[in-house]
Every structure is written in structure tokens, then in C-alpha cells.
C-alpha atoms as a PDB file:
ATOM      1  CA  MET A   1     -30.836  14.209 -16.873  1.00  0.00           C
ATOM      2  CA  SER A   2     -30.429  17.639 -18.324  1.00  0.00           C
ATOM      3  CA  ARG A   3     -31.267  18.096 -22.012  1.00  0.00           C
ATOM      4  CA  GLU A   4     -28.316  20.419 -22.417  1.00  0.00           C
ATOM      5  CA  LYS A   5     -25.888  19.697 -25.233  1.00  0.00           C
ATOM      6  CA  THR A   6     -22.717  17.890 -24.143  1.00  0.00           C
ATOM      7  CA  PRO A   7     -20.041  20.566 -23.585  1.00  0.00           C
ATOM      8  CA  VAL A   8     -16.670  20.663 -25.306  1.00  0.00           C
ATOM      9  CA  THR A   9     -14.343  21.833 -22.541  1.00  0.00           C
ATOM     10  CA  PRO A  10     -10.537  21.841 -22.344  1.00  0.00           C
ATOM     11  CA  ALA A  11     -10.894  18.544 -20.421  1.00  0.00           C
ATOM     12  CA  VAL A  12     -12.936  16.970 -23.216  1.00  0.00           C
ATOM     13  CA  ARG A  13     -10.389  18.133 -25.787  1.00  0.00           C
ATOM     14  CA  VAL A  14      -7.591  16.430 -23.792  1.00  0.00           C
ATOM     15  CA  LEU A  15      -9.596  13.196 -23.503  1.00  0.00           C
ATOM     16  CA  ARG A  16     -10.453  13.165 -27.213  1.00  0.00           C
ATOM     17  CA  ALA A  17      -6.869  13.928 -28.274  1.00  0.00           C
ATOM     18  CA  ALA A  18      -5.614  11.046 -26.117  1.00  0.00           C
ATOM     19  CA  GLY A  19      -8.225   8.614 -27.434  1.00  0.00           C
ATOM     20  CA  VAL A  20      -9.718   8.019 -23.984  1.00  0.00           C
ATOM     21  CA  PRO A  21     -13.005   6.098 -24.063  1.00  0.00           C
ATOM     22  CA  TYR A  22     -15.400   7.996 -21.786  1.00  0.00           C
ATOM     23  CA  THR A  23     -19.104   8.524 -21.226  1.00  0.00           C
ATOM     24  CA  ASP A  24     -20.901  11.864 -20.794  1.00  0.00           C
ATOM     25  CA  HIS A  25     -23.171  12.490 -17.802  1.00  0.00           C
ATOM     26  CA  LEU A  26     -25.067  15.776 -17.476  1.00  0.00           C
ATOM     27  CA  TYR A  27     -27.072  16.650 -14.349  1.00  0.00           C
ATOM     28  CA  SER A  28     -28.681  19.666 -12.706  1.00  0.00           C
ATOM     29  CA  TYR A  29     -25.908  21.411 -10.793  1.00  0.00           C
ATOM     30  CA  GLU A  30     -26.680  22.682  -7.287  1.00  0.00           C
ATOM     31  CA  GLU A  31     -24.437  25.290  -5.662  1.00  0.00           C
ATOM     32  CA  ARG A  32     -22.420  23.641  -2.857  1.00  0.00           C
ATOM     33  CA  GLY A  33     -24.123  20.306  -3.555  1.00  0.00           C
ATOM     34  CA  GLY A  34     -20.887  18.483  -4.297  1.00  0.00           C
ATOM     35  CA  THR A  35     -20.639  14.821  -5.161  1.00  0.00           C
ATOM     36  CA  ALA A  36     -23.730  13.946  -3.108  1.00  0.00           C
ATOM     37  CA  VAL A  37     -25.897  15.820  -5.626  1.00  0.00           C
ATOM     38  CA  SER A  38     -24.215  14.438  -8.744  1.00  0.00           C
ATOM     39  CA  ALA A  39     -24.350  10.884  -7.361  1.00  0.00           C
ATOM     40  CA  ARG A  40     -28.032  11.274  -6.457  1.00  0.00           C
ATOM     41  CA  GLU A  41     -28.996  12.913  -9.767  1.00  0.00           C
ATOM     42  CA  LEU A  42     -27.158  10.321 -11.872  1.00  0.00           C
ATOM     43  CA  GLY A  43     -27.842   7.260  -9.694  1.00  0.00           C
ATOM     44  CA  PHE A  44     -24.147   6.565  -9.024  1.00  0.00           C
ATOM     45  CA  ASP A  45     -22.430   5.341  -5.871  1.00  0.00           C
ATOM     46  CA  GLU A  46     -20.877   8.504  -4.372  1.00  0.00           C
ATOM     47  CA  HIS A  47     -17.693   6.539  -3.670  1.00  0.00           C
ATOM     48  CA  CYS A  48     -17.146   6.298  -7.460  1.00  0.00           C
ATOM     49  CA  VAL A  49     -17.701  10.032  -8.036  1.00  0.00           C
ATOM     50  CA  ILE A  50     -14.266  11.618  -7.776  1.00  0.00           C
ATOM     51  CA  LYS A  51     -13.616  15.121  -6.453  1.00  0.00           C
ATOM     52  CA  THR A  52     -10.881  17.258  -8.023  1.00  0.00           C
ATOM     53  CA  LEU A  53      -9.537  19.482  -5.254  1.00  0.00           C
ATOM     54  CA  VAL A  54      -6.996  22.241  -5.799  1.00  0.00           C
ATOM     55  CA  MET A  55      -4.813  22.784  -2.739  1.00  0.00           C
ATOM     56  CA  GLU A  56      -1.525  24.470  -1.966  1.00  0.00           C
ATOM     57  CA  ASP A  57       1.423  23.525   0.172  1.00  0.00           C
ATOM     58  CA  ASP A  58       3.199  25.631   2.794  1.00  0.00           C
ATOM     59  CA  ARG A  59       5.250  27.331   0.053  1.00  0.00           C
ATOM     60  CA  GLY A  60       2.083  28.361  -1.810  1.00  0.00           C
ATOM     61  CA  GLU A  61       2.671  25.832  -4.595  1.00  0.00           C
ATOM     62  CA  PRO A  62      -0.601  24.439  -6.009  1.00  0.00           C
ATOM     63  CA  LEU A  63      -1.426  20.759  -6.350  1.00  0.00           C
ATOM     64  CA  ILE A  64      -4.422  18.613  -7.195  1.00  0.00           C
ATOM     65  CA  ILE A  65      -5.736  15.768  -5.071  1.00  0.00           C
ATOM     66  CA  LEU A  66      -8.330  13.361  -6.479  1.00  0.00           C
ATOM     67  CA  MET A  67     -10.559  11.950  -3.737  1.00  0.00           C
ATOM     68  CA  ASN A  68     -13.607   9.688  -3.489  1.00  0.00           C
ATOM     69  CA  GLY A  69     -16.785  11.729  -3.185  1.00  0.00           C
ATOM     70  CA  ASP A  70     -17.766  10.161   0.122  1.00  0.00           C
ATOM     71  CA  ARG A  71     -14.384  10.842   1.749  1.00  0.00           C
ATOM     72  CA  GLN A  72     -12.497  13.898   2.966  1.00  0.00           C
ATOM     73  CA  VAL A  73      -8.817  14.680   2.490  1.00  0.00           C
ATOM     74  CA  SER A  74      -6.674  14.439   5.609  1.00  0.00           C
ATOM     75  CA  THR A  75      -4.462  17.415   4.821  1.00  0.00           C
ATOM     76  CA  ARG A  76      -2.058  16.411   7.573  1.00  0.00           C
ATOM     77  CA  GLU A  77      -1.626  12.925   6.103  1.00  0.00           C
ATOM     78  CA  LEU A  78      -1.350  14.276   2.559  1.00  0.00           C
ATOM     79  CA  ALA A  79       1.355  16.754   3.619  1.00  0.00           C
ATOM     80  CA  ARG A  80       3.273  13.988   5.393  1.00  0.00           C
ATOM     81  CA  GLN A  81       3.144  11.698   2.363  1.00  0.00           C
ATOM     82  CA  ILE A  82       4.233  14.312  -0.157  1.00  0.00           C
ATOM     83  CA  GLY A  83       6.990  15.696   2.072  1.00  0.00           C
ATOM     84  CA  VAL A  84       5.758  19.199   2.872  1.00  0.00           C
ATOM     85  CA  ARG A  85       4.960  20.860   6.211  1.00  0.00           C
ATOM     86  CA  SER A  86       1.305  21.568   5.440  1.00  0.00           C
ATOM     87  CA  VAL A  87      -1.380  21.471   2.763  1.00  0.00           C
ATOM     88  CA  GLU A  88      -4.589  23.459   2.686  1.00  0.00           C
ATOM     89  CA  PRO A  89      -7.413  24.060   0.200  1.00  0.00           C
ATOM     90  CA  CYS A  90      -6.981  27.051  -2.080  1.00  0.00           C
ATOM     91  CA  ARG A  91      -9.463  29.894  -1.881  1.00  0.00           C
ATOM     92  CA  PRO A  92     -11.984  29.500  -4.751  1.00  0.00           C
ATOM     93  CA  GLU A  93     -10.569  32.411  -6.768  1.00  0.00           C
ATOM     94  CA  VAL A  94      -7.020  31.039  -6.400  1.00  0.00           C
ATOM     95  CA  ALA A  95      -8.119  27.532  -7.405  1.00  0.00           C
ATOM     96  CA  GLN A  96      -9.852  29.002 -10.450  1.00  0.00           C
ATOM     97  CA  ARG A  97      -6.727  30.938 -11.422  1.00  0.00           C
ATOM     98  CA  HIS A  98      -4.577  27.786 -11.226  1.00  0.00           C
ATOM     99  CA  SER A  99      -7.005  25.392 -12.915  1.00  0.00           C
ATOM    100  CA  GLY A 100      -8.860  27.638 -15.339  1.00  0.00           C
ATOM    101  CA  TYR A 101     -12.148  26.092 -14.157  1.00  0.00           C
ATOM    102  CA  LEU A 102     -14.921  27.416 -11.943  1.00  0.00           C
ATOM    103  CA  VAL A 103     -15.076  25.712  -8.543  1.00  0.00           C
ATOM    104  CA  GLY A 104     -17.725  23.015  -8.880  1.00  0.00           C
ATOM    105  CA  GLY A 105     -16.574  22.375 -12.438  1.00  0.00           C
ATOM    106  CA  THR A 106     -12.886  21.658 -11.865  1.00  0.00           C
ATOM    107  CA  SER A 107     -11.428  18.841 -13.927  1.00  0.00           C
ATOM    108  CA  PRO A 108      -7.892  17.490 -13.572  1.00  0.00           C
ATOM    109  CA  PHE A 109      -7.677  17.350 -17.396  1.00  0.00           C
ATOM    110  CA  GLY A 110      -6.724  20.448 -19.370  1.00  0.00           C
ATOM    111  CA  THR A 111      -5.844  22.690 -16.447  1.00  0.00           C
ATOM    112  CA  ARG A 112      -4.468  26.150 -17.156  1.00  0.00           C
ATOM    113  CA  ARG A 113      -1.378  25.480 -15.042  1.00  0.00           C
ATOM    114  CA  GLN A 114       0.560  22.219 -14.767  1.00  0.00           C
ATOM    115  CA  MET A 115       0.336  20.984 -11.175  1.00  0.00           C
ATOM    116  CA  PRO A 116       1.394  17.795  -9.409  1.00  0.00           C
ATOM    117  CA  ILE A 117      -1.570  15.436  -9.196  1.00  0.00           C
ATOM    118  CA  TYR A 118      -2.153  13.014  -6.337  1.00  0.00           C
ATOM    119  CA  ILE A 119      -4.834  10.330  -6.237  1.00  0.00           C
ATOM    120  CA  GLU A 120      -6.299   8.435  -3.311  1.00  0.00           C
ATOM    121  CA  GLU A 121      -4.951   4.954  -4.055  1.00  0.00           C
ATOM    122  CA  SER A 122      -8.292   3.192  -3.454  1.00  0.00           C
ATOM    123  CA  ILE A 123      -9.687   4.982  -6.535  1.00  0.00           C
ATOM    124  CA  LEU A 124      -7.359   2.872  -8.673  1.00  0.00           C
ATOM    125  CA  MET A 125      -9.235  -0.293  -7.587  1.00  0.00           C
ATOM    126  CA  LEU A 126     -12.633   0.913  -8.841  1.00  0.00           C
ATOM    127  CA  PRO A 127     -13.937  -0.518 -12.124  1.00  0.00           C
ATOM    128  CA  LYS A 128     -15.215   2.875 -13.327  1.00  0.00           C
ATOM    129  CA  ILE A 129     -15.015   6.421 -12.001  1.00  0.00           C
ATOM    130  CA  TYR A 130     -16.992   9.567 -12.680  1.00  0.00           C
ATOM    131  CA  ILE A 131     -15.010  12.789 -12.622  1.00  0.00           C
ATOM    132  CA  ASN A 132     -15.722  16.384 -13.567  1.00  0.00           C
ATOM    133  CA  GLY A 133     -15.543  17.067 -17.279  1.00  0.00           C
ATOM    134  CA  GLY A 134     -14.706  20.755 -16.884  1.00  0.00           C
ATOM    135  CA  LYS A 135     -18.142  22.274 -16.381  1.00  0.00           C
ATOM    136  CA  ARG A 136     -20.591  22.463 -13.503  1.00  0.00           C
ATOM    137  CA  GLY A 137     -23.198  19.741 -13.949  1.00  0.00           C
ATOM    138  CA  TYR A 138     -21.035  17.554 -16.179  1.00  0.00           C
ATOM    139  CA  LEU A 139     -19.168  14.365 -15.298  1.00  0.00           C
ATOM    140  CA  VAL A 140     -17.270  11.972 -17.528  1.00  0.00           C
ATOM    141  CA  GLY A 141     -17.109   8.258 -16.771  1.00  0.00           C
ATOM    142  CA  MET A 142     -13.964   6.252 -17.466  1.00  0.00           C
ATOM    143  CA  ALA A 143     -11.704   3.501 -16.241  1.00  0.00           C
ATOM    144  CA  PRO A 144      -9.165   4.657 -13.624  1.00  0.00           C
ATOM    145  CA  ASP A 145      -6.408   3.202 -15.833  1.00  0.00           C
ATOM    146  CA  GLU A 146      -7.232   5.778 -18.512  1.00  0.00           C
ATOM    147  CA  LEU A 147      -6.993   8.614 -15.994  1.00  0.00           C
ATOM    148  CA  CYS A 148      -3.574   7.305 -14.940  1.00  0.00           C
ATOM    149  CA  ARG A 149      -2.413   6.978 -18.528  1.00  0.00           C
ATOM    150  CA  ILE A 150      -3.118  10.674 -19.176  1.00  0.00           C
ATOM    151  CA  LEU A 151      -2.342  12.333 -15.826  1.00  0.00           C
ATOM    152  CA  HIS A 152       0.319  10.074 -14.238  1.00  0.00           C
ATOM    153  CA  PRO A 153      -0.931  10.873 -10.715  1.00  0.00           C
ATOM    154  CA  THR A 154       0.992   9.871  -7.596  1.00  0.00           C
ATOM    155  CA  PRO A 155      -1.018   7.461  -5.390  1.00  0.00           C
ATOM    156  CA  VAL A 156      -1.404   8.498  -1.740  1.00  0.00           C
ATOM    157  CA  ARG A 157      -3.415   7.324   1.264  1.00  0.00           C
ATOM    158  CA  ALA A 158      -4.992  10.505   2.593  1.00  0.00           C
ATOM    159  CA  ALA A 159      -8.701   9.683   2.896  1.00  0.00           C
ATOM    160  CA  SER A 160     -10.726  10.118   6.047  1.00  0.00           C
ATOM    161  CA  ALA A 161     -14.442   9.437   6.501  1.00  0.00           C
ATOM    162  CA  SER A 162     -16.804  12.289   5.640  1.00  0.00           C
END
């Protein structure tokens, strides 16, 4: 574990203001390492490490999808379930503009722009999840119920195997 001081990000401020019980988990960030690196560094099951992905629909409207670390998003299935023609990942600079976070440090909490948030429904069955706390190399652990209480995400079934 990194000896770095726990960061106070916009995400952390949202969690604190809402009284969310969470745990801090710092690790050595690796460029393009994704959830495999954070899971390995912290000793977590990658299925419980949740990715925050900024995407946009066919009209260019941004959205967030929360997905298990060991799964991919079926953009076709996601588009079908949310009633749009297509969904695709945002370019990194566009995602950063919408979220206010660097790619690799994107949290669904405290985003710069309000966006609809979707969550892979199987995440809601996990006892604890680990999700980005708003900085590269920093996850927060919490119960999925707390995430739902703050974000009110719409459950979808859009996972495909990695």
C-alpha cells in the first residue's frame, strides 16, 4: 500500500457530506492497468472492483455506467435497455470534461456535470464494492446500498465477459 496521505477529492466531500461509511484504499497506479492492477495490489476480487465509465449516446449526451471490473459493457445491450440507438465510450478528454476527473481516477461521486448513472444490476448483490474515490490509485470501499442512496443509479443488464 502506498504511504501517500488519503486524498480529499470532490468524491470524498460528497461521501462525507452524505454520511456514507467508507474505507480508503491507496495503491500504486499503473497507466492502463485498470481494475486488474487495483485488485491485485489491494488483494480484492476484481469482480468487486467497480469501473466508472463515461460514455455518450447517439445524440452526444454523456452518461455513466458502473460495471464489475472483470466484465465489459455490451454497448449494444446498454443502448437497447436505455432506449437510444447507440452508446459508445467517450474520448478521454471528453470524459474528463464531463466528469472533472482524469481517466483512471473517475468517480461517479462529485462529477462536474450531472449525468444519468446506470449500474450493472449484479453489483447490487455484492456485500461490499470498491470504486474510484476521485484520484488515480485511490479506491473507496462501501456497501452498494450506500452508493444507491447517493447516486440513485438505474439498474441495467449490460455485462459481457472480459
